[in-house]
Amino acid sequence: MITKFLDPKNDLAFKRIFGSEKNKDILIHFLNDIFGRTTNPIEDVTFLKAAQEPEIISQRASNVDVMCEDLEGNHFIVEMQVDSEPGFEKRAQYYAAKTYIQQREKGVEYKDLKEVTFLAITSYSIFPKRPGYLSHHHVLDTETYDRALKDFSFSFLELPKFKKSKDDLKTMTEKWAYFFKRAPDTREEDLAIIIGADKIMERAYHELDRYSWTVEEIRTYDGIDMKRSADRAINEGMFAEGKAEGKAEGKAEGENKKAQEIALAMIREGDSLEKISRITGLSEEEISAFKSE
């Protein structure tokens, strides 16, 4: 079924809402709501380069979804994580540490280093034993619980743990959690109940209105979802290496159709024939036929 609102967890949609200059007031609103910044709120942000370049060529570059700094120079990293990834909490610490270190590369003295805050919205539970859907993690003294080392903080919004319906939403944090989890299921007439009079959150929903997107943007959006399905297929072993070298005959109609959809998405992403064939099990001749259509 085609829904009015697209999924904000899709990479293109997420960056359109939270990573674009024209919508930075949405990002500011979101950060203030999640971190409870009713006093000393974030008033403005500057977007920073999302690609963290390595210091030496042999190291890997890192890419985050959204990175920005406030007027005081404090850094915020915002990540949308859809698929379960072992060690994601370690990646969070790595990104924060790398961002902190890179301040020194710009000639900043140690005493002038600014805070780094990492925020992840996840479609799976990072901390299964913890009941709350939103957690904030700081470095604290184990005896006094003082926070003298305050330059690093990590927050996780775990969507599976959020259970409230649209009729039960009270805080802005709850409304944002509902936005990420249920936007594709939301109807236009539900907005008054969900967002009340909040015009900025209303704009976030209307950025997801599929009828305001161009045909090419929708194709890119769909391609990202299909590419994620392909990556998930690799991780889950749905298409084993042996199938990649095997022949397509004998595939069930449904399986073959899914393989074709994944192949089309990978073609749009510019992947090679060899890689597409290895992942989907389709022959390079079949894939070439798609490309020529």
Protein backbone atom coordinates (compact mmCIF):
# COMPACT_ATOMS: atom_id res chain seq x y z
CA MET A 1 0.00 0.00 0.00
CA ILE A 2 1.30 3.46 -0.93
CA THR A 3 1.32 5.75 2.08
CA LYS A 4 1.33 9.54 2.13
CA PHE A 5 4.36 9.89 4.38
CA LEU A 6 7.69 8.28 3.57
CA ASP A 7 9.96 6.67 6.14
CA PRO A 8 12.31 9.11 7.95
CA LYS A 9 14.68 6.20 8.65
CA ASN A 10 15.54 6.07 4.94
CA ASP A 11 18.95 7.70 4.44
CA LEU A 12 17.76 10.20 1.83
CA ALA A 13 14.70 11.22 3.86
CA PHE A 14 16.69 11.49 7.08
CA LYS A 15 19.32 13.78 5.58
CA ARG A 16 16.68 15.82 3.76
CA ILE A 17 14.98 16.61 7.09
CA PHE A 18 17.89 16.82 9.51
CA GLY A 19 20.93 17.45 7.33
CA SER A 20 19.91 20.29 5.01
CA GLU A 21 20.47 24.00 5.50
CA LYS A 22 16.87 24.89 4.73
CA ASN A 23 15.63 22.58 7.48
CA LYS A 24 18.26 23.23 10.14
CA ASP A 25 15.60 24.71 12.42
CA ILE A 26 14.04 21.21 12.47
CA LEU A 27 17.39 19.74 13.57
CA ILE A 28 17.77 22.42 16.26
CA HIS A 29 14.24 21.77 17.53
CA PHE A 30 14.89 18.02 17.57
CA LEU A 31 18.19 18.30 19.47
CA ASN A 32 16.74 20.68 22.07
CA ASP A 33 13.79 18.32 22.59
CA ILE A 34 15.86 15.15 22.89
CA PHE A 35 18.40 16.70 25.27
CA GLY A 36 15.83 18.66 27.25
CA ARG A 37 17.54 21.97 26.51
CA THR A 38 14.80 24.22 27.88
CA THR A 39 17.47 26.42 29.47
CA ASN A 40 20.52 27.35 27.41
CA PRO A 41 18.97 25.89 24.23
CA ILE A 42 20.85 25.41 21.00
CA GLU A 43 20.03 28.52 18.97
CA ASP A 44 21.89 27.87 15.74
CA VAL A 45 24.08 25.22 14.14
CA THR A 46 26.60 25.05 11.35
CA PHE A 47 26.71 21.85 9.32
CA LEU A 48 30.12 20.22 9.13
CA LYS A 49 31.56 17.79 6.62
CA ALA A 50 30.03 14.39 7.33
CA ALA A 51 33.04 12.49 5.97
CA GLN A 52 35.79 12.15 8.56
CA GLU A 53 38.98 11.90 6.51
CA PRO A 54 41.79 9.66 7.83
CA GLU A 55 45.04 11.19 9.04
CA ILE A 56 47.06 8.82 6.87
CA ILE A 57 46.09 7.19 3.61
CA SER A 58 46.17 3.64 5.01
CA GLN A 59 43.40 4.43 7.49
CA ARG A 60 39.71 4.19 6.67
CA ALA A 61 37.54 7.24 6.14
CA SER A 62 34.40 7.46 8.28
CA ASN A 63 31.02 8.81 7.29
CA VAL A 64 28.35 10.01 9.68
CA ASP A 65 24.80 10.97 8.76
CA VAL A 66 24.72 14.48 10.20
CA MET A 67 27.44 16.48 11.94
CA CYS A 68 27.13 20.05 13.13
CA GLU A 69 28.39 22.49 15.73
CA ASP A 70 26.53 25.05 17.81
CA LEU A 71 27.45 28.69 18.38
CA GLU A 72 29.87 27.68 21.14
CA GLY A 73 31.67 25.19 18.89
CA ASN A 74 30.30 22.06 20.56
CA HIS A 75 29.92 19.19 18.10
CA PHE A 76 26.85 17.02 17.53
CA ILE A 77 26.86 13.75 15.59
CA VAL A 78 23.44 12.33 14.66
CA GLU A 79 23.23 8.79 13.26
CA MET A 80 20.25 6.83 11.94
CA GLN A 81 20.97 3.12 12.37
CA VAL A 82 18.42 0.77 10.81
CA ASP A 83 20.13 -2.62 10.68
CA SER A 84 21.59 -4.33 13.71
CA GLU A 85 25.35 -4.02 13.78
CA PRO A 86 27.53 -5.82 16.33
CA GLY A 87 29.70 -3.29 18.11
CA PHE A 88 27.71 -0.24 17.05
CA GLU A 89 28.24 1.29 20.49
CA LYS A 90 31.99 1.03 19.86
CA ARG A 91 31.56 2.76 16.50
CA ALA A 92 29.72 5.54 18.33
CA GLN A 93 32.71 6.03 20.62
CA TYR A 94 35.09 5.88 17.68
CA TYR A 95 33.22 8.61 15.79
CA ALA A 96 33.08 10.82 18.88
CA ALA A 97 36.77 10.35 19.61
CA LYS A 98 37.71 11.04 16.00
CA THR A 99 35.65 14.22 15.98
CA TYR A 100 37.30 15.34 19.22
CA ILE A 101 40.81 14.64 17.89
CA GLN A 102 40.18 16.45 14.62
CA GLN A 103 39.69 19.70 16.52
CA ARG A 104 43.42 19.60 17.28
CA GLU A 105 44.22 19.36 13.59
CA LYS A 106 42.75 22.84 13.20
CA GLY A 107 45.20 24.27 15.72
CA VAL A 108 42.91 24.15 18.76
CA GLU A 109 44.73 23.96 22.09
CA TYR A 110 43.84 21.17 24.50
CA LYS A 111 42.21 23.62 26.90
CA ASP A 112 39.94 24.87 24.13
CA LEU A 113 38.62 21.51 22.92
CA LYS A 114 34.83 21.48 22.72
CA GLU A 115 32.27 18.88 23.73
CA VAL A 116 31.19 16.08 21.40
CA THR A 117 27.68 14.66 21.68
CA PHE A 118 26.73 11.49 19.79
CA LEU A 119 23.05 10.70 19.22
CA ALA A 120 21.80 7.53 17.52
CA ILE A 121 18.27 6.62 16.52
CA THR A 122 18.15 2.84 16.15
CA SER A 123 15.59 0.41 14.74
CA TYR A 124 16.81 -2.30 17.10
CA SER A 125 17.67 -2.48 20.79
CA ILE A 126 21.22 -1.51 21.64
CA PHE A 127 20.78 -2.28 25.34
CA PRO A 128 18.20 -5.12 25.55
CA LYS A 129 18.25 -5.29 29.36
CA ARG A 130 17.51 -1.58 29.75
CA PRO A 131 13.74 -0.86 29.64
CA GLY A 132 13.73 2.83 28.66
CA TYR A 133 13.66 3.84 25.00
CA LEU A 134 15.92 6.90 25.48
CA SER A 135 19.21 6.73 27.37
CA HIS A 136 21.95 9.31 28.00
CA HIS A 137 25.49 8.17 28.86
CA HIS A 138 28.17 10.35 30.50
CA VAL A 139 31.56 9.89 32.13
CA LEU A 140 30.94 10.03 35.90
CA ASP A 141 33.02 9.66 39.05
CA THR A 142 32.14 6.21 40.41
CA GLU A 143 31.92 7.46 44.02
CA THR A 144 30.53 10.98 43.82
CA TYR A 145 28.85 10.77 40.40
CA ASP A 146 30.38 14.15 39.60
CA ARG A 147 30.83 14.83 35.91
CA ALA A 148 34.23 16.50 35.74
CA LEU A 149 35.08 14.82 32.42
CA LYS A 150 32.18 16.21 30.41
CA ASP A 151 33.43 16.47 26.84
CA PHE A 152 31.85 13.19 25.73
CA SER A 153 28.22 12.11 25.89
CA PHE A 154 26.25 9.44 24.07
CA SER A 155 22.50 9.15 23.65
CA PHE A 156 20.46 6.35 22.10
CA LEU A 157 16.82 6.49 20.99
CA GLU A 158 15.83 2.81 20.67
CA LEU A 159 12.64 2.68 18.63
CA PRO A 160 11.53 -0.92 19.40
CA LYS A 161 11.17 0.04 23.06
CA PHE A 162 8.81 2.90 22.30
CA LYS A 163 5.25 1.56 22.62
CA LYS A 164 2.95 4.59 22.92
CA SER A 165 0.09 5.23 20.52
CA LYS A 166 -0.67 8.59 18.96
CA ASP A 167 -3.33 9.26 21.58
CA ASP A 168 -0.84 8.89 24.45
CA LEU A 169 1.87 11.29 23.29
CA LYS A 170 2.63 14.00 25.84
CA THR A 171 6.24 15.18 25.52
CA MET A 172 8.13 16.34 22.44
CA THR A 173 10.56 13.45 22.92
CA GLU A 174 7.66 11.01 22.66
CA LYS A 175 6.40 12.78 19.56
CA TRP A 176 9.81 12.49 17.89
CA ALA A 177 10.05 8.81 18.78
CA TYR A 178 6.59 8.28 17.26
CA PHE A 179 7.69 10.26 14.18
CA PHE A 180 10.61 7.93 13.52
CA LYS A 181 8.72 4.75 14.29
CA ARG A 182 5.29 5.40 12.81
CA ALA A 183 5.49 8.17 10.18
CA PRO A 184 4.75 5.82 7.23
CA ASP A 185 1.57 4.66 9.03
CA THR A 186 0.41 8.18 9.82
CA ARG A 187 -2.53 9.79 8.04
CA GLU A 188 -2.91 13.50 7.36
CA GLU A 189 -5.87 13.68 9.71
CA ASP A 190 -3.73 12.21 12.52
CA LEU A 191 -1.32 15.15 12.57
CA ALA A 192 -3.44 17.41 14.74
CA ILE A 193 -3.45 14.73 17.45
CA ILE A 194 0.24 13.89 17.10
CA ILE A 195 1.88 17.30 16.82
CA GLY A 196 -0.69 19.72 18.18
CA ALA A 197 0.30 23.28 17.29
CA ASP A 198 4.01 22.58 16.72
CA LYS A 199 4.69 24.08 13.28
CA ILE A 200 8.29 22.88 13.04
CA MET A 201 7.37 19.25 13.61
CA GLU A 202 4.54 19.73 11.13
CA ARG A 203 7.15 20.74 8.55
CA ALA A 204 9.14 17.59 9.34
CA TYR A 205 6.08 15.50 8.42
CA HIS A 206 5.43 17.47 5.26
CA GLU A 207 9.05 16.93 4.19
CA LEU A 208 8.05 13.25 4.12
CA ASP A 209 5.00 13.84 1.93
CA ARG A 210 5.75 11.65 -1.09
CA TYR A 211 3.67 13.89 -3.34
CA SER A 212 6.10 16.76 -2.76
CA TRP A 213 9.03 14.65 -4.00
CA THR A 214 10.10 14.47 -7.63
CA VAL A 215 9.99 11.20 -9.56
CA GLU A 216 13.79 11.04 -9.49
CA GLU A 217 13.88 11.61 -5.73
CA ILE A 218 11.39 8.78 -5.19
CA ARG A 219 13.52 6.50 -7.36
CA THR A 220 16.58 7.31 -5.28
CA TYR A 221 14.60 6.77 -2.08
CA ASP A 222 13.39 3.36 -3.33
CA GLY A 223 16.89 2.49 -4.51
CA ILE A 224 18.29 3.10 -1.04
CA ASP A 225 15.69 0.77 0.48
CA MET A 226 16.46 -1.90 -2.11
CA LYS A 227 20.19 -1.51 -1.57
CA ARG A 228 19.65 -2.00 2.15
CA SER A 229 17.70 -5.16 1.35
CA ALA A 230 20.64 -6.35 -0.71
CA ASP A 231 23.09 -5.64 2.10
CA ARG A 232 20.81 -7.40 4.56
CA ALA A 233 20.63 -10.36 2.21
CA ILE A 234 24.41 -10.60 2.27
CA ASN A 235 24.56 -10.40 6.06
CA GLU A 236 21.80 -12.93 6.58
CA GLY A 237 23.13 -15.34 3.99
CA MET A 238 20.02 -15.18 1.82
CA PHE A 239 22.23 -15.29 -1.24
CA ALA A 240 25.21 -17.53 -0.56
CA GLU A 241 28.41 -17.32 -2.56
CA GLY A 242 27.57 -20.58 -4.25
CA LYS A 243 24.34 -19.16 -5.66
CA ALA A 244 26.23 -16.29 -7.18
CA GLU A 245 28.14 -18.65 -9.40
CA GLY A 246 25.17 -20.91 -10.01
CA LYS A 247 22.49 -20.59 -12.65
CA ALA A 248 19.19 -18.77 -12.35
CA GLU A 249 17.02 -21.63 -13.60
CA GLY A 250 14.95 -23.37 -10.98
CA LYS A 251 14.46 -20.26 -8.87
CA ALA A 252 10.98 -19.81 -7.53
CA GLU A 253 9.12 -16.93 -9.14
CA GLY A 254 9.00 -14.89 -5.92
CA GLU A 255 12.69 -15.34 -5.18
CA ASN A 256 13.65 -14.45 -8.74
CA LYS A 257 11.54 -11.29 -8.62
CA LYS A 258 13.23 -10.19 -5.39
CA ALA A 259 16.65 -10.85 -6.91
CA GLN A 260 15.69 -8.68 -9.89
CA GLU A 261 14.53 -5.84 -7.62
CA ILE A 262 17.81 -5.93 -5.72
CA ALA A 263 19.74 -6.00 -8.99
CA LEU A 264 17.90 -2.93 -10.26
CA ALA A 265 18.65 -1.07 -7.05
CA MET A 266 22.33 -1.96 -7.25
CA ILE A 267 22.45 -0.87 -10.90
CA ARG A 268 21.15 2.54 -9.82
CA GLU A 269 23.91 2.65 -7.20
CA GLY A 270 26.51 1.98 -9.91
CA ASP A 271 27.65 -1.43 -8.63
CA SER A 272 29.56 -3.70 -11.00
CA LEU A 273 27.99 -6.61 -12.90
CA GLU A 274 30.24 -9.03 -11.05
CA LYS A 275 29.15 -7.76 -7.63
CA ILE A 276 25.45 -7.73 -8.54
CA SER A 277 25.71 -11.25 -9.92
CA ARG A 278 27.55 -12.49 -6.83
CA ILE A 279 24.92 -11.08 -4.48
CA THR A 280 21.72 -11.90 -6.39
CA GLY A 281 22.62 -15.13 -8.15
CA LEU A 282 21.52 -13.68 -11.50
CA SER A 283 23.80 -14.10 -14.48
CA GLU A 284 25.68 -11.09 -15.85
CA GLU A 285 23.71 -11.52 -19.10
CA GLU A 286 20.42 -11.11 -17.21
CA ILE A 287 21.73 -8.06 -15.39
CA SER A 288 23.00 -6.53 -18.64
CA ALA A 289 19.50 -6.93 -20.05
CA PHE A 290 18.13 -4.87 -17.13
CA LYS A 291 20.70 -2.15 -17.77
CA SER A 292 19.74 -1.85 -21.43
CA GLU A 293 16.01 -1.52 -20.72
